[in-house]
Amino acid sequence: MDVQSYTPETLFTGTFPRHTEPRRIASGQTLEARSVLGMVTATKQLKLSLAAATDGSQTPVAILLAAIDTTAAAADAPVYLAGCFNPELLVYGTGHDAASVKAAFTGSPLFLRAPL
């Protein structure tokens, strides 16, 4: 008998309660699940957080639950607004990494922690 091992991905790495809500995702993007998002100050829409952005979205505020394509128009999608997440499984925009996002989440109900 061939024995195979299975190692599940562990997105959630703590017991902190998870909270999701639908939010408007800005148009013009194709985003992977687990993308780290920032909020555009003027529109309150979310987009991939890029460290060099100057529209407010440079500050991470949410994590996208499922992949979405908004190339044609903005759309609503569920995002995580609270929880403890495995930083190795998140999708970071240019200029961000686990350390910068962890620092940005300080004081919010979002946390990054590697699995034990």
PDB file of N, CA and C in Angstrom:
ATOM      1  N   MET A   1       0.843  -1.167   0.000  1.00  0.00           N
ATOM      2  CA  MET A   1       0.000   0.000   0.000  1.00  0.00           C
ATOM      3  C   MET A   1       0.892   1.236   0.000  1.00  0.00           C
ATOM      4  N   ASP A   2       0.560   2.178  -0.867  1.00  0.00           N
ATOM      5  CA  ASP A   2       1.290   3.441  -0.963  1.00  0.00           C
ATOM      6  C   ASP A   2       0.681   4.423   0.037  1.00  0.00           C
ATOM      7  N   VAL A   3       1.510   4.896   0.931  1.00  0.00           N
ATOM      8  CA  VAL A   3       1.042   5.843   1.936  1.00  0.00           C
ATOM      9  C   VAL A   3       1.453   7.238   1.506  1.00  0.00           C
ATOM     10  N   GLN A   4       0.476   8.127   1.460  1.00  0.00           N
ATOM     11  CA  GLN A   4       0.742   9.515   1.102  1.00  0.00           C
ATOM     12  C   GLN A   4       0.509  10.388   2.320  1.00  0.00           C
ATOM     13  N   SER A   5       1.271  11.435   2.410  1.00  0.00           N
ATOM     14  CA  SER A   5       1.064  12.346   3.528  1.00  0.00           C
ATOM     15  C   SER A   5       0.308  13.572   3.029  1.00  0.00           C
ATOM     16  N   TYR A   6      -0.392  14.179   3.927  1.00  0.00           N
ATOM     17  CA  TYR A   6      -1.165  15.377   3.630  1.00  0.00           C
ATOM     18  C   TYR A   6      -0.805  16.432   4.661  1.00  0.00           C
ATOM     19  N   THR A   7      -0.379  17.591   4.198  1.00  0.00           N
ATOM     20  CA  THR A   7      -0.073  18.703   5.081  1.00  0.00           C
ATOM     21  C   THR A   7      -0.978  19.867   4.691  1.00  0.00           C
ATOM     22  N   PRO A   8      -2.009  20.110   5.479  1.00  0.00           N
ATOM     23  CA  PRO A   8      -2.923  21.194   5.128  1.00  0.00           C
ATOM     24  C   PRO A   8      -2.271  22.551   5.307  1.00  0.00           C
ATOM     25  N   GLU A   9      -2.675  23.493   4.488  1.00  0.00           N
ATOM     26  CA  GLU A   9      -2.229  24.866   4.682  1.00  0.00           C
ATOM     27  C   GLU A   9      -2.938  25.406   5.909  1.00  0.00           C
ATOM     28  N   THR A  10      -2.220  26.088   6.722  1.00  0.00           N
ATOM     29  CA  THR A  10      -2.799  26.641   7.935  1.00  0.00           C
ATOM     30  C   THR A  10      -2.869  28.150   7.793  1.00  0.00           C
ATOM     31  N   LEU A  11      -4.005  28.642   7.304  1.00  0.00           N
ATOM     32  CA  LEU A  11      -4.169  30.088   7.148  1.00  0.00           C
ATOM     33  C   LEU A  11      -4.368  30.750   8.503  1.00  0.00           C
ATOM     34  N   PHE A  12      -5.144  30.103   9.358  1.00  0.00           N
ATOM     35  CA  PHE A  12      -5.447  30.682  10.667  1.00  0.00           C
ATOM     36  C   PHE A  12      -4.493  30.102  11.698  1.00  0.00           C
ATOM     37  N   THR A  13      -3.781  30.970  12.388  1.00  0.00           N
ATOM     38  CA  THR A  13      -2.734  30.505  13.289  1.00  0.00           C
ATOM     39  C   THR A  13      -2.957  30.921  14.734  1.00  0.00           C
ATOM     40  N   GLY A  14      -4.131  31.327  15.061  1.00  0.00           N
ATOM     41  CA  GLY A  14      -4.426  31.710  16.429  1.00  0.00           C
ATOM     42  C   GLY A  14      -5.898  31.516  16.715  1.00  0.00           C
ATOM     43  N   THR A  15      -6.274  31.772  17.937  1.00  0.00           N
ATOM     44  CA  THR A  15      -7.665  31.587  18.343  1.00  0.00           C
ATOM     45  C   THR A  15      -8.461  32.885  18.304  1.00  0.00           C
ATOM     46  N   PHE A  16      -7.809  33.971  17.889  1.00  0.00           N
ATOM     47  CA  PHE A  16      -8.525  35.245  17.815  1.00  0.00           C
ATOM     48  C   PHE A  16      -9.701  35.091  16.851  1.00  0.00           C
ATOM     49  N   PRO A  17     -10.878  35.575  17.211  1.00  0.00           N
ATOM     50  CA  PRO A  17     -12.048  35.401  16.338  1.00  0.00           C
ATOM     51  C   PRO A  17     -11.839  36.021  14.955  1.00  0.00           C
ATOM     52  N   ARG A  18     -12.319  35.311  13.945  1.00  0.00           N
ATOM     53  CA  ARG A  18     -12.266  35.817  12.571  1.00  0.00           C
ATOM     54  C   ARG A  18     -13.571  36.544  12.260  1.00  0.00           C
ATOM     55  N   HIS A  19     -13.443  37.617  11.512  1.00  0.00           N
ATOM     56  CA  HIS A  19     -14.622  38.383  11.118  1.00  0.00           C
ATOM     57  C   HIS A  19     -14.500  38.741   9.646  1.00  0.00           C
ATOM     58  N   THR A  20     -15.545  38.451   8.881  1.00  0.00           N
ATOM     59  CA  THR A  20     -15.565  38.819   7.471  1.00  0.00           C
ATOM     60  C   THR A  20     -16.777  39.691   7.192  1.00  0.00           C
ATOM     61  N   GLU A  21     -16.621  40.544   6.204  1.00  0.00           N
ATOM     62  CA  GLU A  21     -17.719  41.390   5.718  1.00  0.00           C
ATOM     63  C   GLU A  21     -17.483  41.648   4.245  1.00  0.00           C
ATOM     64  N   PRO A  22     -18.552  41.866   3.489  1.00  0.00           N
ATOM     65  CA  PRO A  22     -18.346  42.259   2.095  1.00  0.00           C
ATOM     66  C   PRO A  22     -17.895  43.715   2.026  1.00  0.00           C
ATOM     67  N   ARG A  23     -16.937  43.972   1.153  1.00  0.00           N
ATOM     68  CA  ARG A  23     -16.432  45.326   0.914  1.00  0.00           C
ATOM     69  C   ARG A  23     -16.275  45.532  -0.578  1.00  0.00           C
ATOM     70  N   ARG A  24     -16.313  46.789  -1.008  1.00  0.00           N
ATOM     71  CA  ARG A  24     -16.161  47.127  -2.419  1.00  0.00           C
ATOM     72  C   ARG A  24     -14.681  47.054  -2.804  1.00  0.00           C
ATOM     73  N   ILE A  25     -14.396  46.258  -3.833  1.00  0.00           N
ATOM     74  CA  ILE A  25     -13.054  46.113  -4.360  1.00  0.00           C
ATOM     75  C   ILE A  25     -12.960  47.004  -5.600  1.00  0.00           C
ATOM     76  N   ALA A  26     -11.971  47.857  -5.650  1.00  0.00           N
ATOM     77  CA  ALA A  26     -11.803  48.818  -6.745  1.00  0.00           C
ATOM     78  C   ALA A  26     -11.637  48.111  -8.086  1.00  0.00           C
ATOM     79  N   SER A  27     -12.072  48.761  -9.135  1.00  0.00           N
ATOM     80  CA  SER A  27     -11.973  48.191 -10.484  1.00  0.00           C
ATOM     81  C   SER A  27     -10.526  48.164 -10.970  1.00  0.00           C
ATOM     82  N   GLY A  28     -10.318  47.375 -12.027  1.00  0.00           N
ATOM     83  CA  GLY A  28      -9.012  47.331 -12.674  1.00  0.00           C
ATOM     84  C   GLY A  28      -8.023  46.364 -12.061  1.00  0.00           C
ATOM     85  N   GLN A  29      -8.503  45.351 -11.339  1.00  0.00           N
ATOM     86  CA  GLN A  29      -7.601  44.433 -10.656  1.00  0.00           C
ATOM     87  C   GLN A  29      -8.007  42.977 -10.874  1.00  0.00           C
ATOM     88  N   THR A  30      -7.043  42.110 -10.846  1.00  0.00           N
ATOM     89  CA  THR A  30      -7.271  40.672 -10.739  1.00  0.00           C
ATOM     90  C   THR A  30      -6.490  40.249  -9.508  1.00  0.00           C
ATOM     91  N   LEU A  31      -7.200  39.882  -8.461  1.00  0.00           N
ATOM     92  CA  LEU A  31      -6.571  39.618  -7.171  1.00  0.00           C
ATOM     93  C   LEU A  31      -6.704  38.158  -6.769  1.00  0.00           C
ATOM     94  N   GLU A  32      -5.661  37.638  -6.173  1.00  0.00           N
ATOM     95  CA  GLU A  32      -5.676  36.289  -5.636  1.00  0.00           C
ATOM     96  C   GLU A  32      -6.315  36.287  -4.252  1.00  0.00           C
ATOM     97  N   ALA A  33      -6.866  35.142  -3.869  1.00  0.00           N
ATOM     98  CA  ALA A  33      -7.330  34.974  -2.497  1.00  0.00           C
ATOM     99  C   ALA A  33      -6.160  35.241  -1.568  1.00  0.00           C
ATOM    100  N   ARG A  34      -6.435  35.801  -0.423  1.00  0.00           N
ATOM    101  CA  ARG A  34      -5.457  36.105   0.615  1.00  0.00           C
ATOM    102  C   ARG A  34      -4.600  37.330   0.301  1.00  0.00           C
ATOM    103  N   SER A  35      -5.014  38.132  -0.680  1.00  0.00           N
ATOM    104  CA  SER A  35      -4.298  39.382  -0.979  1.00  0.00           C
ATOM    105  C   SER A  35      -4.492  40.372   0.157  1.00  0.00           C
ATOM    106  N   VAL A  36      -3.439  41.084   0.489  1.00  0.00           N
ATOM    107  CA  VAL A  36      -3.492  42.108   1.529  1.00  0.00           C
ATOM    108  C   VAL A  36      -3.946  43.409   0.869  1.00  0.00           C
ATOM    109  N   LEU A  37      -5.026  43.972   1.394  1.00  0.00           N
ATOM    110  CA  LEU A  37      -5.667  45.130   0.769  1.00  0.00           C
ATOM    111  C   LEU A  37      -5.546  46.389   1.609  1.00  0.00           C
ATOM    112  N   GLY A  38      -5.500  47.520   0.915  1.00  0.00           N
ATOM    113  CA  GLY A  38      -5.543  48.823   1.547  1.00  0.00           C
ATOM    114  C   GLY A  38      -6.758  49.585   1.037  1.00  0.00           C
ATOM    115  N   MET A  39      -7.167  50.617   1.761  1.00  0.00           N
ATOM    116  CA  MET A  39      -8.359  51.381   1.391  1.00  0.00           C
ATOM    117  C   MET A  39      -7.984  52.728   0.769  1.00  0.00           C
ATOM    118  N   VAL A  40      -8.533  52.989  -0.404  1.00  0.00           N
ATOM    119  CA  VAL A  40      -8.351  54.282  -1.060  1.00  0.00           C
ATOM    120  C   VAL A  40      -9.168  55.307  -0.268  1.00  0.00           C
ATOM    121  N   THR A  41      -8.525  56.322   0.233  1.00  0.00           N
ATOM    122  CA  THR A  41      -9.179  57.297   1.098  1.00  0.00           C
ATOM    123  C   THR A  41     -10.375  57.975   0.423  1.00  0.00           C
ATOM    124  N   ALA A  42     -10.223  58.389  -0.816  1.00  0.00           N
ATOM    125  CA  ALA A  42     -11.269  59.155  -1.512  1.00  0.00           C
ATOM    126  C   ALA A  42     -12.519  58.333  -1.814  1.00  0.00           C
ATOM    127  N   THR A  43     -12.358  57.047  -2.121  1.00  0.00           N
ATOM    128  CA  THR A  43     -13.502  56.228  -2.547  1.00  0.00           C
ATOM    129  C   THR A  43     -13.947  55.193  -1.529  1.00  0.00           C
ATOM    130  N   LYS A  44     -13.105  54.920  -0.542  1.00  0.00           N
ATOM    131  CA  LYS A  44     -13.335  53.875   0.458  1.00  0.00           C
ATOM    132  C   LYS A  44     -13.336  52.475  -0.150  1.00  0.00           C
ATOM    133  N   GLN A  45     -12.846  52.338  -1.377  1.00  0.00           N
ATOM    134  CA  GLN A  45     -12.741  51.032  -2.018  1.00  0.00           C
ATOM    135  C   GLN A  45     -11.382  50.419  -1.693  1.00  0.00           C
ATOM    136  N   LEU A  46     -11.341  49.092  -1.737  1.00  0.00           N
ATOM    137  CA  LEU A  46     -10.115  48.379  -1.415  1.00  0.00           C
ATOM    138  C   LEU A  46      -9.370  47.976  -2.673  1.00  0.00           C
ATOM    139  N   LYS A  47      -8.046  47.972  -2.561  1.00  0.00           N
ATOM    140  CA  LYS A  47      -7.207  47.471  -3.644  1.00  0.00           C
ATOM    141  C   LYS A  47      -5.943  46.901  -3.042  1.00  0.00           C
ATOM    142  N   LEU A  48      -5.182  46.158  -3.868  1.00  0.00           N
ATOM    143  CA  LEU A  48      -3.951  45.572  -3.388  1.00  0.00           C
ATOM    144  C   LEU A  48      -3.081  46.670  -2.781  1.00  0.00           C
ATOM    145  N   SER A  49      -2.633  46.457  -1.569  1.00  0.00           N
ATOM    146  CA  SER A  49      -1.839  47.462  -0.881  1.00  0.00           C
ATOM    147  C   SER A  49      -0.414  47.458  -1.414  1.00  0.00           C
ATOM    148  N   LEU A  50      -0.001  48.581  -1.981  1.00  0.00           N
ATOM    149  CA  LEU A  50       1.359  48.776  -2.472  1.00  0.00           C
ATOM    150  C   LEU A  50       2.035  49.792  -1.560  1.00  0.00           C
ATOM    151  N   ALA A  51       3.226  49.485  -1.094  1.00  0.00           N
ATOM    152  CA  ALA A  51       3.910  50.353  -0.132  1.00  0.00           C
ATOM    153  C   ALA A  51       4.112  51.772  -0.653  1.00  0.00           C
ATOM    154  N   ALA A  52       4.292  51.939  -1.960  1.00  0.00           N
ATOM    155  CA  ALA A  52       4.565  53.262  -2.527  1.00  0.00           C
ATOM    156  C   ALA A  52       3.305  54.041  -2.901  1.00  0.00           C
ATOM    157  N   ALA A  53       2.136  53.470  -2.697  1.00  0.00           N
ATOM    158  CA  ALA A  53       0.896  54.178  -3.039  1.00  0.00           C
ATOM    159  C   ALA A  53       0.774  55.444  -2.198  1.00  0.00           C
ATOM    160  N   THR A  54       0.038  56.420  -2.702  1.00  0.00           N
ATOM    161  CA  THR A  54      -0.157  57.681  -1.974  1.00  0.00           C
ATOM    162  C   THR A  54      -1.630  58.036  -1.833  1.00  0.00           C
ATOM    163  N   ASP A  55      -2.502  57.063  -2.106  1.00  0.00           N
ATOM    164  CA  ASP A  55      -3.946  57.312  -2.055  1.00  0.00           C
ATOM    165  C   ASP A  55      -4.609  56.743  -0.809  1.00  0.00           C
ATOM    166  N   GLY A  56      -3.822  56.320   0.162  1.00  0.00           N
ATOM    167  CA  GLY A  56      -4.342  55.712   1.379  1.00  0.00           C
ATOM    168  C   GLY A  56      -4.224  54.199   1.369  1.00  0.00           C
ATOM    169  N   SER A  57      -4.186  53.604   0.185  1.00  0.00           N
ATOM    170  CA  SER A  57      -4.148  52.141   0.090  1.00  0.00           C
ATOM    171  C   SER A  57      -2.790  51.555   0.462  1.00  0.00           C
ATOM    172  N   GLN A  58      -1.821  52.406   0.730  1.00  0.00           N
ATOM    173  CA  GLN A  58      -0.504  51.911   1.142  1.00  0.00           C
ATOM    174  C   GLN A  58      -0.549  51.261   2.530  1.00  0.00           C
ATOM    175  N   THR A  59      -1.585  51.549   3.294  1.00  0.00           N
ATOM    176  CA  THR A  59      -1.737  50.981   4.631  1.00  0.00           C
ATOM    177  C   THR A  59      -2.666  49.775   4.576  1.00  0.00           C
ATOM    178  N   PRO A  60      -2.177  48.584   4.850  1.00  0.00           N
ATOM    179  CA  PRO A  60      -3.019  47.387   4.823  1.00  0.00           C
ATOM    180  C   PRO A  60      -4.122  47.441   5.883  1.00  0.00           C
ATOM    181  N   VAL A  61      -5.355  47.070   5.458  1.00  0.00           N
ATOM    182  CA  VAL A  61      -6.491  47.092   6.379  1.00  0.00           C
ATOM    183  C   VAL A  61      -7.357  45.844   6.318  1.00  0.00           C
ATOM    184  N   ALA A  62      -7.116  44.956   5.343  1.00  0.00           N
ATOM    185  CA  ALA A  62      -7.981  43.784   5.177  1.00  0.00           C
ATOM    186  C   ALA A  62      -7.240  42.716   4.383  1.00  0.00           C
ATOM    187  N   ILE A  63      -7.808  41.503   4.415  1.00  0.00           N
ATOM    188  CA  ILE A  63      -7.286  40.376   3.648  1.00  0.00           C
ATOM    189  C   ILE A  63      -8.432  39.799   2.834  1.00  0.00           C
ATOM    190  N   LEU A  64      -8.227  39.676   1.543  1.00  0.00           N
ATOM    191  CA  LEU A  64      -9.262  39.174   0.636  1.00  0.00           C
ATOM    192  C   LEU A  64      -9.510  37.688   0.873  1.00  0.00           C
ATOM    193  N   LEU A  65     -10.763  37.319   0.989  1.00  0.00           N
ATOM    194  CA  LEU A  65     -11.133  35.933   1.268  1.00  0.00           C
ATOM    195  C   LEU A  65     -10.994  35.036   0.043  1.00  0.00           C
ATOM    196  N   ALA A  66     -11.452  35.493  -1.110  1.00  0.00           N
ATOM    197  CA  ALA A  66     -11.442  34.672  -2.324  1.00  0.00           C
ATOM    198  C   ALA A  66     -10.970  35.509  -3.508  1.00  0.00           C
ATOM    199  N   ALA A  67     -10.436  34.838  -4.509  1.00  0.00           N
ATOM    200  CA  ALA A  67      -9.968  35.538  -5.713  1.00  0.00           C
ATOM    201  C   ALA A  67     -11.111  36.319  -6.354  1.00  0.00           C
ATOM    202  N   ILE A  68     -10.755  37.438  -7.001  1.00  0.00           N
ATOM    203  CA  ILE A  68     -11.762  38.267  -7.665  1.00  0.00           C
ATOM    204  C   ILE A  68     -11.135  38.966  -8.869  1.00  0.00           C
ATOM    205  N   ASP A  69     -11.959  39.165  -9.891  1.00  0.00           N
ATOM    206  CA  ASP A  69     -11.532  39.888 -11.088  1.00  0.00           C
ATOM    207  C   ASP A  69     -12.426  41.116 -11.221  1.00  0.00           C
ATOM    208  N   THR A  70     -11.845  42.287 -11.043  1.00  0.00           N
ATOM    209  CA  THR A  70     -12.604  43.535 -11.173  1.00  0.00           C
ATOM    210  C   THR A  70     -12.083  44.360 -12.351  1.00  0.00           C
ATOM    211  N   THR A  71     -11.534  43.678 -13.356  1.00  0.00           N
ATOM    212  CA  THR A  71     -10.991  44.424 -14.489  1.00  0.00           C
ATOM    213  C   THR A  71     -12.065  45.237 -15.195  1.00  0.00           C
ATOM    214  N   ALA A  72     -13.294  44.762 -15.204  1.00  0.00           N
ATOM    215  CA  ALA A  72     -14.376  45.474 -15.888  1.00  0.00           C
ATOM    216  C   ALA A  72     -15.076  46.496 -14.996  1.00  0.00           C
ATOM    217  N   ALA A  73     -15.198  46.186 -13.715  1.00  0.00           N
ATOM    218  CA  ALA A  73     -15.922  47.090 -12.813  1.00  0.00           C
ATOM    219  C   ALA A  73     -15.648  46.715 -11.369  1.00  0.00           C
ATOM    220  N   ALA A  74     -15.803  47.673 -10.481  1.00  0.00           N
ATOM    221  CA  ALA A  74     -15.683  47.409  -9.050  1.00  0.00           C
ATOM    222  C   ALA A  74     -16.753  46.399  -8.650  1.00  0.00           C
ATOM    223  N   ALA A  75     -16.467  45.621  -7.614  1.00  0.00           N
ATOM    224  CA  ALA A  75     -17.417  44.604  -7.165  1.00  0.00           C
ATOM    225  C   ALA A  75     -17.253  44.380  -5.672  1.00  0.00           C
ATOM    226  N   ASP A  76     -18.294  43.849  -5.060  1.00  0.00           N
ATOM    227  CA  ASP A  76     -18.224  43.513  -3.642  1.00  0.00           C
ATOM    228  C   ASP A  76     -17.641  42.112  -3.481  1.00  0.00           C
ATOM    229  N   ALA A  77     -16.847  41.935  -2.430  1.00  0.00           N
ATOM    230  CA  ALA A  77     -16.251  40.636  -2.126  1.00  0.00           C
ATOM    231  C   ALA A  77     -16.035  40.547  -0.626  1.00  0.00           C
ATOM    232  N   PRO A  78     -16.055  39.330  -0.075  1.00  0.00           N
ATOM    233  CA  PRO A  78     -15.806  39.184   1.362  1.00  0.00           C
ATOM    234  C   PRO A  78     -14.317  39.366   1.680  1.00  0.00           C
ATOM    235  N   VAL A  79     -14.069  40.086   2.759  1.00  0.00           N
ATOM    236  CA  VAL A  79     -12.710  40.291   3.236  1.00  0.00           C
ATOM    237  C   VAL A  79     -12.653  39.983   4.730  1.00  0.00           C
ATOM    238  N   TYR A  80     -11.474  39.570   5.175  1.00  0.00           N
ATOM    239  CA  TYR A  80     -11.248  39.412   6.611  1.00  0.00           C
ATOM    240  C   TYR A  80     -10.900  40.764   7.194  1.00  0.00           C
ATOM    241  N   LEU A  81     -11.581  41.112   8.289  1.00  0.00           N
ATOM    242  CA  LEU A  81     -11.301  42.343   9.010  1.00  0.00           C
ATOM    243  C   LEU A  81     -10.746  42.055  10.394  1.00  0.00           C
ATOM    244  N   ALA A  82     -10.726  40.774  10.779  1.00  0.00           N
ATOM    245  CA  ALA A  82     -10.180  40.366  12.076  1.00  0.00           C
ATOM    246  C   ALA A  82      -9.735  38.920  11.976  1.00  0.00           C
ATOM    247  N   GLY A  83      -8.719  38.587  12.757  1.00  0.00           N
ATOM    248  CA  GLY A  83      -8.231  37.219  12.820  1.00  0.00           C
ATOM    249  C   GLY A  83      -6.725  37.183  12.928  1.00  0.00           C
ATOM    250  N   CYS A  84      -6.193  35.974  13.134  1.00  0.00           N
ATOM    251  CA  CYS A  84      -4.757  35.750  13.229  1.00  0.00           C
ATOM    252  C   CYS A  84      -4.363  34.857  12.062  1.00  0.00           C
ATOM    253  N   PHE A  85      -3.459  35.334  11.201  1.00  0.00           N
ATOM    254  CA  PHE A  85      -3.174  34.701   9.915  1.00  0.00           C
ATOM    255  C   PHE A  85      -1.709  34.308   9.765  1.00  0.00           C
ATOM    256  N   ASN A  86      -1.497  33.267   8.981  1.00  0.00           N
ATOM    257  CA  ASN A  86      -0.164  32.790   8.639  1.00  0.00           C
ATOM    258  C   ASN A  86       0.433  33.742   7.601  1.00  0.00           C
ATOM    259  N   PRO A  87       1.489  34.465   7.927  1.00  0.00           N
ATOM    260  CA  PRO A  87       2.057  35.435   6.983  1.00  0.00           C
ATOM    261  C   PRO A  87       2.629  34.796   5.722  1.00  0.00           C
ATOM    262  N   GLU A  88       3.002  33.522   5.792  1.00  0.00           N
ATOM    263  CA  GLU A  88       3.589  32.828   4.648  1.00  0.00           C
ATOM    264  C   GLU A  88       2.564  32.558   3.540  1.00  0.00           C
ATOM    265  N   LEU A  89       1.281  32.631   3.857  1.00  0.00           N
ATOM    266  CA  LEU A  89       0.244  32.313   2.876  1.00  0.00           C
ATOM    267  C   LEU A  89      -0.442  33.538   2.296  1.00  0.00           C
ATOM    268  N   LEU A  90      -0.035  34.721   2.717  1.00  0.00           N
ATOM    269  CA  LEU A  90      -0.662  35.945   2.219  1.00  0.00           C
ATOM    270  C   LEU A  90       0.008  36.410   0.929  1.00  0.00           C
ATOM    271  N   VAL A  91      -0.747  37.185   0.154  1.00  0.00           N
ATOM    272  CA  VAL A  91      -0.249  37.754  -1.102  1.00  0.00           C
ATOM    273  C   VAL A  91       0.006  39.234  -0.847  1.00  0.00           C
ATOM    274  N   TYR A  92       1.266  39.634  -0.978  1.00  0.00           N
ATOM    275  CA  TYR A  92       1.668  41.003  -0.676  1.00  0.00           C
ATOM    276  C   TYR A  92       1.879  41.808  -1.947  1.00  0.00           C
ATOM    277  N   GLY A  93       1.491  43.079  -1.899  1.00  0.00           N
ATOM    278  CA  GLY A  93       1.752  43.988  -2.991  1.00  0.00           C
ATOM    279  C   GLY A  93       3.199  44.451  -2.950  1.00  0.00           C
ATOM    280  N   THR A  94       3.655  45.036  -4.028  1.00  0.00           N
ATOM    281  CA  THR A  94       5.028  45.507  -4.151  1.00  0.00           C
ATOM    282  C   THR A  94       5.411  46.404  -2.974  1.00  0.00           C
ATOM    283  N   GLY A  95       6.552  46.093  -2.385  1.00  0.00           N
ATOM    284  CA  GLY A  95       7.061  46.885  -1.279  1.00  0.00           C
ATOM    285  C   GLY A  95       6.618  46.412   0.082  1.00  0.00           C
ATOM    286  N   HIS A  96       5.670  45.483   0.122  1.00  0.00           N
ATOM    287  CA  HIS A  96       5.209  44.934   1.401  1.00  0.00           C
ATOM    288  C   HIS A  96       5.751  43.530   1.586  1.00  0.00           C
ATOM    289  N   ASP A  97       5.888  43.165   2.841  1.00  0.00           N
ATOM    290  CA  ASP A  97       6.242  41.801   3.220  1.00  0.00           C
ATOM    291  C   ASP A  97       5.591  41.546   4.580  1.00  0.00           C
ATOM    292  N   ALA A  98       5.861  40.390   5.141  1.00  0.00           N
ATOM    293  CA  ALA A  98       5.232  40.042   6.417  1.00  0.00           C
ATOM    294  C   ALA A  98       5.537  41.081   7.497  1.00  0.00           C
ATOM    295  N   ALA A  99       6.765  41.566   7.556  1.00  0.00           N
ATOM    296  CA  ALA A  99       7.141  42.526   8.598  1.00  0.00           C
ATOM    297  C   ALA A  99       6.404  43.855   8.450  1.00  0.00           C
ATOM    298  N   SER A 100       6.307  44.375   7.229  1.00  0.00           N
ATOM    299  CA  SER A 100       5.637  45.669   7.043  1.00  0.00           C
ATOM    300  C   SER A 100       4.138  45.564   7.290  1.00  0.00           C
ATOM    301  N   VAL A 101       3.550  44.456   6.884  1.00  0.00           N
ATOM    302  CA  VAL A 101       2.109  44.279   7.096  1.00  0.00           C
ATOM    303  C   VAL A 101       1.819  44.044   8.573  1.00  0.00           C
ATOM    304  N   LYS A 102       2.644  43.254   9.232  1.00  0.00           N
ATOM    305  CA  LYS A 102       2.460  43.038  10.670  1.00  0.00           C
ATOM    306  C   LYS A 102       2.516  44.372  11.416  1.00  0.00           C
ATOM    307  N   ALA A 103       3.457  45.227  11.053  1.00  0.00           N
ATOM    308  CA  ALA A 103       3.567  46.547  11.681  1.00  0.00           C
ATOM    309  C   ALA A 103       2.327  47.393  11.391  1.00  0.00           C
ATOM    310  N   ALA A 104       1.832  47.336  10.168  1.00  0.00           N
ATOM    311  CA  ALA A 104       0.642  48.117   9.800  1.00  0.00           C
ATOM    312  C   ALA A 104      -0.601  47.641  10.546  1.00  0.00           C
ATOM    313  N   PHE A 105      -0.675  46.344  10.835  1.00  0.00           N
ATOM    314  CA  PHE A 105      -1.831  45.785  11.540  1.00  0.00           C
ATOM    315  C   PHE A 105      -1.800  46.074  13.040  1.00  0.00           C
ATOM    316  N   THR A 106      -0.696  46.592  13.565  1.00  0.00           N
ATOM    317  CA  THR A 106      -0.600  46.870  14.994  1.00  0.00           C
ATOM    318  C   THR A 106      -1.733  47.796  15.421  1.00  0.00           C
ATOM    319  N   GLY A 107      -2.447  47.401  16.469  1.00  0.00           N
ATOM    320  CA  GLY A 107      -3.568  48.184  16.970  1.00  0.00           C
ATOM    321  C   GLY A 107      -4.886  47.847  16.309  1.00  0.00           C
ATOM    322  N   SER A 108      -4.862  46.955  15.323  1.00  0.00           N
ATOM    323  CA  SER A 108      -6.096  46.528  14.658  1.00  0.00           C
ATOM    324  C   SER A 108      -6.407  45.090  15.094  1.00  0.00           C
ATOM    325  N   PRO A 109      -7.573  44.564  14.729  1.00  0.00           N
ATOM    326  CA  PRO A 109      -7.897  43.181  15.084  1.00  0.00           C
ATOM    327  C   PRO A 109      -7.337  42.153  14.090  1.00  0.00           C
ATOM    328  N   LEU A 110      -6.370  42.551  13.287  1.00  0.00           N
ATOM    329  CA  LEU A 110      -5.692  41.646  12.363  1.00  0.00           C
ATOM    330  C   LEU A 110      -4.285  41.388  12.892  1.00  0.00           C
ATOM    331  N   PHE A 111      -3.874  40.116  12.876  1.00  0.00           N
ATOM    332  CA  PHE A 111      -2.571  39.720  13.405  1.00  0.00           C
ATOM    333  C   PHE A 111      -1.906  38.748  12.442  1.00  0.00           C
ATOM    334  N   LEU A 112      -0.592  38.777  12.391  1.00  0.00           N
ATOM    335  CA  LEU A 112       0.178  37.801  11.628  1.00  0.00           C
ATOM    336  C   LEU A 112       1.024  37.008  12.625  1.00  0.00           C
ATOM    337  N   ARG A 113       0.974  35.680  12.472  1.00  0.00           N
ATOM    338  CA  ARG A 113       1.798  34.810  13.330  1.00  0.00           C
ATOM    339  C   ARG A 113       2.072  33.528  12.567  1.00  0.00           C
ATOM    340  N   ALA A 114       3.344  33.167  12.487  1.00  0.00           N
ATOM    341  CA  ALA A 114       3.721  31.910  11.824  1.00  0.00           C
ATOM    342  C   ALA A 114       3.133  30.741  12.599  1.00  0.00           C
ATOM    343  N   PRO A 115       2.813  29.650  11.899  1.00  0.00           N
ATOM    344  CA  PRO A 115       2.279  28.473  12.596  1.00  0.00           C
ATOM    345  C   PRO A 115       3.308  27.914  13.571  1.00  0.00           C
ATOM    346  N   LEU A 116       2.814  27.356  14.652  1.00  0.00           N
ATOM    347  CA  LEU A 116       3.708  26.773  15.661  1.00  0.00           C
ATOM    348  C   LEU A 116       4.122  25.373  15.279  1.00  0.00           C
TER     349      LEU A 116
END
